[in-house]
Every structure is written in C-alpha cells, then in structure tokens.
Protein backbone atom coordinates (compact mmCIF):
# COMPACT_ATOMS: atom_id res chain seq x y z
CA MET A 1 100.33 119.49 -3.04
CA VAL A 2 97.41 121.88 -2.77
CA ARG A 3 95.92 122.71 0.63
CA PHE A 4 93.80 125.43 2.20
CA HIS A 5 94.36 126.83 5.69
CA GLU A 6 90.96 128.53 5.94
CA VAL A 7 87.64 128.09 4.20
CA GLY A 8 86.76 130.65 1.58
CA GLY A 9 87.02 131.50 -2.10
CA PRO A 10 89.55 130.19 -4.64
CA ASP A 11 92.29 132.45 -3.27
CA VAL A 12 92.59 130.40 -0.08
CA LEU A 13 94.21 127.57 -2.09
CA ARG A 14 97.98 127.18 -1.66
CA VAL A 15 100.45 125.09 -3.64
CA GLU A 16 102.85 123.75 -0.99
CA GLN A 17 105.71 121.31 -0.70
CA GLY A 18 104.81 118.13 1.13
CA ASP A 19 105.56 114.44 1.34
CA PRO A 20 102.47 112.27 0.78
CA GLY A 21 104.08 109.49 2.84
CA ALA A 22 104.18 105.78 2.13
CA PRO A 23 100.97 103.92 1.36
CA GLY A 24 99.56 101.93 4.27
CA ALA A 25 97.60 98.71 4.20
CA GLY A 26 95.06 98.79 1.39
CA GLU A 27 96.51 102.00 -0.04
CA VAL A 28 98.41 102.97 -3.18
CA LEU A 29 100.75 105.86 -3.95
CA VAL A 30 99.89 107.38 -7.33
CA ARG A 31 102.03 109.76 -9.36
CA VAL A 32 99.30 112.10 -10.55
CA ALA A 33 99.27 113.20 -14.19
CA ALA A 34 95.88 114.92 -14.36
CA ILE A 35 93.12 115.99 -11.98
CA GLY A 36 89.43 116.40 -12.75
CA LEU A 37 87.84 119.42 -11.06
CA ASN A 38 84.34 119.21 -9.58
CA ARG A 39 81.97 121.71 -7.99
CA ALA A 40 81.93 119.55 -4.85
CA GLU A 41 85.56 120.58 -4.28
CA ALA A 42 84.68 124.27 -4.49
CA SER A 43 81.90 123.66 -1.98
CA PHE A 44 84.25 121.77 0.36
CA ARG A 45 86.86 124.53 0.09
CA SER A 46 84.28 127.20 0.94
CA GLY A 47 82.63 125.29 3.81
CA ARG A 48 79.36 124.69 1.93
CA TYR A 49 79.69 120.97 1.20
CA LEU A 50 77.77 118.03 2.68
CA GLU A 51 80.65 117.65 5.14
CA GLN A 52 82.93 120.28 6.63
CA PRO A 53 86.75 120.13 6.67
CA ARG A 54 87.59 118.15 9.78
CA SER A 55 90.83 120.03 10.37
CA LEU A 56 92.92 122.71 8.72
CA PRO A 57 95.01 122.84 6.63
CA ALA A 58 92.88 120.53 4.47
CA ARG A 59 93.45 118.64 1.25
CA LEU A 60 91.22 118.61 -1.78
CA GLY A 61 90.31 116.49 -4.80
CA ALA A 62 88.65 113.14 -5.50
CA GLU A 63 89.22 112.42 -9.22
CA ALA A 64 92.51 111.95 -11.05
CA ALA A 65 94.58 109.82 -13.40
CA GLY A 66 98.19 108.75 -13.10
CA THR A 67 100.64 105.91 -12.57
CA VAL A 68 100.98 103.63 -9.56
CA GLU A 69 104.31 104.33 -7.85
CA ALA A 70 104.07 102.07 -4.78
CA VAL A 71 101.55 99.80 -3.08
CA GLY A 72 100.85 99.10 0.58
CA ALA A 73 100.40 95.84 2.41
CA GLY A 74 97.63 93.58 1.18
CA VAL A 75 97.18 95.37 -2.15
CA THR A 76 96.48 93.11 -5.12
CA GLY A 77 95.48 93.84 -8.69
CA PHE A 78 97.71 96.88 -9.12
CA ALA A 79 101.50 97.06 -9.32
CA PRO A 80 103.99 99.91 -9.78
CA GLY A 81 103.82 101.21 -13.33
CA ALA A 82 100.10 100.55 -13.80
CA GLU A 83 98.17 103.43 -15.37
CA VAL A 84 95.02 104.15 -13.39
CA SER A 85 92.10 106.44 -12.82
CA VAL A 86 91.10 107.46 -9.30
CA LEU A 87 87.35 107.23 -8.68
CA PRO A 88 85.51 109.41 -6.14
CA THR A 89 84.98 106.85 -3.37
CA PHE A 90 86.47 108.62 -0.34
CA SER A 91 85.98 111.63 1.88
CA MET A 92 88.27 114.57 1.17
CA ASN A 93 88.82 114.64 4.93
CA ASP A 94 90.74 111.39 4.47
CA TYR A 95 92.45 111.72 1.07
CA GLY A 96 93.07 114.37 -1.59
CA VAL A 97 94.46 114.18 -5.14
CA TYR A 98 95.33 117.83 -5.80
CA ALA A 99 99.03 116.95 -5.82
CA ASP A 100 101.82 115.54 -7.96
CA ARG A 101 101.83 112.39 -5.78
CA ALA A 102 98.91 111.19 -3.68
CA VAL A 103 98.09 108.23 -1.46
CA VAL A 104 94.60 106.83 -2.14
CA PRO A 105 92.70 103.67 -1.14
CA VAL A 106 93.15 100.84 -3.62
CA ASP A 107 89.38 100.41 -3.95
CA SER A 108 89.24 103.87 -5.56
CA LEU A 109 91.34 102.70 -8.52
CA VAL A 110 90.38 101.33 -11.92
CA PRO A 111 92.70 100.69 -14.84
CA LEU A 112 92.98 103.68 -17.15
CA PRO A 113 90.43 102.95 -19.89
CA GLY A 114 91.99 101.72 -23.12
CA GLY A 115 92.58 104.43 -25.71
CA VAL A 116 92.01 107.19 -23.13
CA ASP A 117 94.81 109.62 -22.31
CA MET A 118 95.53 110.85 -18.79
CA ALA A 119 93.55 114.07 -19.16
CA ARG A 120 90.43 112.21 -20.22
CA GLY A 121 91.15 109.52 -17.65
CA ALA A 122 90.69 112.26 -15.06
CA ALA A 123 87.52 113.55 -16.75
CA VAL A 124 85.53 110.32 -17.06
CA TRP A 125 84.44 108.87 -13.78
CA MET A 126 82.74 111.55 -11.71
CA PRO A 127 80.46 112.69 -14.55
CA TYR A 128 79.66 109.30 -16.05
CA LEU A 129 79.21 107.38 -12.80
CA THR A 130 77.05 110.20 -11.41
CA ALA A 131 74.82 110.15 -14.49
CA TYR A 132 74.79 106.34 -14.67
CA GLY A 133 73.87 106.03 -11.00
CA ALA A 134 70.87 108.33 -11.37
CA LEU A 135 69.59 107.47 -14.85
CA VAL A 136 70.36 103.76 -15.09
CA ASP A 137 70.96 102.33 -11.62
CA THR A 138 68.25 104.34 -9.84
CA ALA A 139 65.60 105.58 -12.28
CA ARG A 140 65.87 102.85 -14.93
CA VAL A 141 65.44 105.34 -17.78
CA GLY A 142 64.34 103.67 -21.00
CA ALA A 143 63.43 104.34 -24.62
CA GLY A 144 61.08 107.25 -25.12
CA ASP A 145 61.43 108.66 -21.60
CA VAL A 146 61.75 112.45 -21.53
CA VAL A 147 64.54 113.51 -19.16
CA ALA A 148 65.01 117.10 -17.98
CA ILE A 149 68.70 117.83 -17.27
CA THR A 150 69.42 121.07 -15.40
CA ALA A 151 72.86 122.69 -15.36
CA ALA A 152 73.16 120.75 -18.60
CA SER A 153 76.46 122.27 -19.73
CA SER A 154 78.34 120.77 -16.79
CA SER A 155 80.39 117.62 -17.30
CA VAL A 156 77.67 115.62 -15.52
CA GLY A 157 74.95 117.26 -17.60
CA LEU A 158 76.74 116.42 -20.85
CA ALA A 159 77.29 112.86 -19.60
CA ALA A 160 73.55 112.58 -18.91
CA ILE A 161 72.75 113.75 -22.44
CA GLN A 162 75.03 111.06 -23.88
CA LEU A 163 73.49 108.37 -21.67
CA CYS A 164 69.98 109.40 -22.71
CA LEU A 165 70.90 109.13 -26.38
CA HIS A 166 72.34 105.66 -25.83
CA LEU A 167 69.27 104.53 -23.88
CA GLY A 168 66.83 105.90 -26.47
CA ALA A 169 65.53 108.54 -24.05
CA VAL A 170 64.83 112.17 -24.96
CA PRO A 171 67.23 114.62 -23.24
CA VAL A 172 65.87 118.12 -22.63
CA ALA A 173 68.68 120.44 -21.52
CA VAL A 174 67.90 123.26 -19.08
CA THR A 175 70.34 126.17 -18.95
CA ARG A 176 70.21 129.67 -17.52
CA THR A 177 71.38 131.73 -20.53
CA ALA A 178 71.15 131.40 -24.30
CA GLY A 179 74.95 131.46 -24.67
CA LYS A 180 75.25 127.71 -24.22
CA ALA A 181 72.17 126.65 -26.17
CA ALA A 182 74.00 125.93 -29.43
CA ALA A 183 76.64 123.84 -27.65
CA LEU A 184 73.94 121.82 -25.89
CA ARG A 185 72.14 121.13 -29.14
CA ALA A 186 75.45 120.08 -30.71
CA ALA A 187 75.97 117.75 -27.74
CA GLY A 188 72.70 115.98 -28.59
CA ALA A 189 70.00 117.71 -26.55
CA ALA A 190 66.65 117.19 -28.25
CA GLU A 191 65.41 120.51 -26.85
CA VAL A 192 66.97 123.35 -24.85
CA VAL A 193 65.11 125.39 -22.22
CA VAL A 194 66.70 128.78 -21.47
CA THR A 195 65.34 129.78 -18.07
CA GLU A 196 66.12 133.50 -18.45
CA GLU A 197 63.89 133.57 -21.52
CA GLU A 198 61.04 131.17 -20.80
CA GLU A 199 59.13 129.77 -17.85
CA THR A 200 60.60 126.39 -16.91
CA THR A 201 57.45 124.42 -16.12
CA GLY A 202 55.60 125.44 -19.27
CA ALA A 203 58.62 124.82 -21.50
CA LEU A 204 59.21 121.32 -20.09
CA LEU A 205 55.52 120.44 -20.41
CA ARG A 206 55.57 121.64 -24.01
CA HIS A 207 58.68 119.61 -24.84
CA SER A 208 57.12 116.51 -23.27
CA GLY A 209 53.91 116.81 -25.27
CA GLY A 210 51.99 118.02 -22.23
CA ALA A 211 52.46 114.76 -20.34
CA GLY A 212 55.39 115.87 -18.21
CA VAL A 213 58.93 114.56 -18.07
CA ARG A 214 59.68 111.09 -16.72
CA LEU A 215 62.82 112.17 -14.84
CA VAL A 216 64.38 115.42 -13.62
CA PHE A 217 68.16 115.29 -13.02
CA ASP A 218 69.03 118.38 -10.99
CA PRO A 219 72.15 119.62 -9.12
CA VAL A 220 70.74 123.07 -8.32
CA ALA A 221 68.00 122.27 -5.75
CA GLY A 222 66.36 125.09 -3.80
CA PRO A 223 62.91 126.58 -4.45
CA GLY A 224 63.17 125.88 -8.20
CA VAL A 225 62.48 122.21 -7.51
CA ALA A 226 58.80 123.12 -7.21
CA ASP A 227 58.72 124.24 -10.86
CA LEU A 228 60.54 121.09 -11.93
CA ALA A 229 58.11 118.90 -9.99
CA ALA A 230 55.19 120.69 -11.65
CA ALA A 231 56.64 119.64 -15.03
CA THR A 232 57.14 116.00 -14.00
CA ALA A 233 54.71 113.31 -15.10
CA PRO A 234 52.62 111.47 -12.47
CA GLY A 235 54.75 108.74 -10.90
CA GLY A 236 57.94 110.39 -12.18
CA VAL A 237 61.20 110.94 -10.35
CA VAL A 238 63.07 114.12 -9.38
CA VAL A 239 66.71 113.28 -8.58
CA VAL A 240 68.56 116.07 -6.74
CA TYR A 241 72.31 115.43 -6.78
CA GLY A 242 73.67 118.77 -5.60
CA SER A 243 72.78 122.07 -3.95
CA LEU A 244 74.25 124.76 -6.16
CA SER A 245 71.51 127.20 -5.20
CA GLY A 246 72.64 127.15 -1.58
CA GLN A 247 68.97 127.32 -0.52
CA GLU A 248 66.69 124.91 1.28
CA THR A 249 64.77 122.52 -0.98
CA PRO A 250 61.05 122.16 -0.26
CA PHE A 251 59.04 119.02 -0.80
CA PRO A 252 56.54 120.45 -3.30
CA ARG A 253 52.83 119.93 -2.67
CA VAL A 254 52.40 118.88 -6.29
CA ALA A 255 54.76 115.96 -5.64
CA VAL A 256 52.18 114.52 -3.25
CA ALA A 257 49.33 114.94 -5.69
CA LYS A 258 51.32 113.34 -8.53
CA GLY A 259 52.92 110.59 -6.49
CA LEU A 260 56.39 111.78 -7.40
CA ALA A 261 59.61 110.45 -5.91
CA LEU A 262 61.87 113.34 -4.84
CA ARG A 263 65.20 111.67 -4.25
CA GLY A 264 68.56 112.87 -3.02
CA TYR A 265 71.60 111.27 -4.61
CA THR A 266 75.38 111.50 -4.60
CA VAL A 267 77.88 109.46 -6.60
CA PHE A 268 79.17 107.93 -3.35
CA GLU A 269 75.95 105.92 -3.11
CA LEU A 270 77.22 104.05 -6.16
CA THR A 271 80.99 104.12 -5.74
CA ARG A 272 80.96 102.86 -2.14
CA ASP A 273 78.87 99.82 -3.06
CA ALA A 274 81.24 97.29 -4.65
CA GLU A 275 78.68 95.55 -6.85
CA ARG A 276 76.94 98.70 -8.07
CA ARG A 277 80.34 100.29 -8.75
CA ARG A 278 81.44 97.23 -10.73
CA ARG A 279 78.33 97.45 -12.94
CA GLY A 280 78.81 101.19 -13.43
CA VAL A 281 82.49 100.86 -14.36
CA ARG A 282 81.66 98.12 -16.84
CA PHE A 283 78.92 100.27 -18.40
CA VAL A 284 81.21 103.30 -18.75
CA ASN A 285 84.12 101.28 -20.11
CA GLU A 286 81.84 99.76 -22.74
CA GLY A 287 80.60 103.20 -23.72
CA LEU A 288 84.13 104.53 -24.09
CA VAL A 289 85.23 101.57 -26.19
CA ARG A 290 82.15 101.67 -28.43
CA GLY A 291 82.20 105.45 -28.71
CA TRP A 292 78.79 106.40 -27.35
CA LEU A 293 80.44 108.05 -24.38
CA ARG A 294 82.84 110.87 -25.24
CA PRO A 295 84.35 112.95 -22.41
CA THR A 296 84.25 116.67 -23.06
CA ILE A 297 87.14 118.76 -21.72
CA ASP A 298 86.46 122.47 -21.75
CA ARG A 299 89.87 123.74 -20.62
CA THR A 300 93.06 122.61 -18.90
CA PHE A 301 95.21 124.38 -16.30
CA ALA A 302 98.58 123.70 -14.69
CA LEU A 303 98.69 122.73 -11.01
CA ASP A 304 100.46 126.01 -10.18
CA ASP A 305 97.40 127.79 -11.62
CA ILE A 306 94.93 126.02 -9.30
CA VAL A 307 93.54 129.33 -8.01
CA ALA A 308 92.73 130.45 -11.55
CA ALA A 309 91.27 127.02 -12.27
CA HIS A 310 88.88 127.35 -9.31
CA HIS A 311 87.89 130.87 -10.32
CA TYR A 312 87.03 129.48 -13.74
CA LEU A 313 85.19 126.54 -12.15
CA GLU A 314 82.93 128.98 -10.32
CA SER A 315 82.43 131.26 -13.32
CA ASN A 316 79.92 128.88 -14.96
CA ARG A 317 81.45 129.69 -18.35
CA GLN A 318 82.61 126.16 -19.08
CA VAL A 319 80.92 123.52 -21.22
CA GLY A 320 82.25 120.19 -19.96
CA LYS A 321 85.10 119.26 -17.67
CA ILE A 322 87.95 121.37 -16.31
CA VAL A 323 91.18 119.40 -15.98
CA VAL A 324 94.42 120.29 -14.20
CA GLU A 325 97.53 118.74 -15.75
CA VAL A 326 100.43 118.00 -13.39
CA GLY A 327 104.10 118.17 -14.30
C-alpha cells in the first residue's frame, strides 16, 4: 500500500507492506488492478485539500478498478470474482485505494463497464461524473450553449468536451500554453483560447459571438474568476470545481450586475446522493456503450513508481488521465 507520514511533495509517498484487513459491515475487499490519479490526491498529500489528513501516516486514492475478493456482512449485489470500478464517494481519511488490495464501502462500487478494461475502468468515473454533475445535473447545458472549459487538457476537461459534443453544446477549451492546442482541437473543442497569448475575456466573448458563454467550468479558481465572469452571458453560471490556483476566489462585481450564479461544486455532491449517482452512472454507461464517451489515458505507471507518477501529475504535461497499474 501507499502511505505518507508527513504532508509535502510527491517524495513523501512510501510504498509499504500492510494488511488491509477484512471488510466490515457494508464493506468490500477489492484486489486492485488499476488506479486513476487525480489532482485532489496531490492536494490531500500536500495539505492543500478541502480536508486535511486526520492522522499520519495517511492513505490516498479514491478511484480504481479491480476484482472483488471478499464481502462484509450485509453486502448484496457484489460477490467474490465480480469485476468492479471504485467511484469517489468517500473521504480519503476513511479509505484509500493506492494499494494492491483495498477495503472500500460497497456503495462506492459499480460493475466494470462492459467492453472496458481495468485501466479504463479506473479512468472513467471521476472525470465523467464530475463533468456530468456540473454540465447536466446542475447547469442543464443544452444545444447551442457555449461552454468555457478551463484546464481543458485534464481528464475532466476532456470529459466535459465530449459531453458538450453529445449535448449539442459548443465547447471552448481554455489552456495556458499553445502546446496542447492541437490535442484539444483533435478532442473536439470548437475553439481553443491560449491564455499566454490572448486575453481570456475578449477571446471568450469573441468565440461566443459577443453574447458571452452560457457556462464556465473551472477548476483553477482564484482572481482569474473575475475575467471568466466578465465573459459569461447575463444569467449564466460559473461552476468552480477546484482550487488549483491556491488563491482566494472573489465574488466578482460583474456577477452581481449580470445576475450570474457563481457555484462551488465537487463530485461528492453527486456521488453521495444515491439517486443523482444512479442517474449519472446510467448516463456514463450509455455513453461508453454507444461510443460518445471515450476515456483518454495519457500515461501509465507501476505502483512502485508512484512518486514519479505524482511528479508527472503535477507537471501539467499530460493530456487526459494518468493511471497506475498494479501487479
């Protein structure tokens, strides 16, 4: 298993021997085949997440795929041998899937989607449920809506582009450097805004025909939200689902004048609500089966290389998901 004994950079991670224990009531022991990495885990490891590690050493990881090895009391619907994906429903203070075997709550499991291998089974749920929760469940994005997607080369950003295309919306990708522009266009972005080369507000207004975008989907937060709000149409929505900037996020004055909704969001809002989660899982499964959702894996690492994997996670070089394969 992977643990950290102090908060800090990737080098605090340690691969250690440990027994996950037997699953308790409502829990399942999963033999992990693949782990999906997320920026939230880097933030938790470094002490910059929404919650702090409750005690040290601490575990890590909320998204994986594998095979059920044992079930605890009261568990129904899953039996040993079942191939599953682990959804992000729990606090990393309570469970962690950076391991070859991990105990998780049964309500975090869904059957591995048909036709999806373990690596992609670990790369599906965080990005697609995050994007679904914001674009479909919350903002009700529809045909013709212009959607600005910041940090667009992330796995969540690419998922949002795919959802926009399915919904008939117009995805405008926002990225810092020109190096990822071609990949974002290939992924389906109708337009790409490179913030090192052009002013964000003006570019988004231009790409929305001057009217402003209907929705901003942003994990960066910080002072830049003011520029995004200035490019949002009256009555539009700015969804902030992360804090990569590490800075305080103002409520922009222009949001008052335009009647904007500036809304915080995390995937747990969806995954911890049984009915909303059920709708989201059904939506994603349908997209995988019909082919309008296609997980993008940038690179894979071995579990023993978890430090290198986290260095790469924080490098911002990736386009899509980073997956750790176990065994």
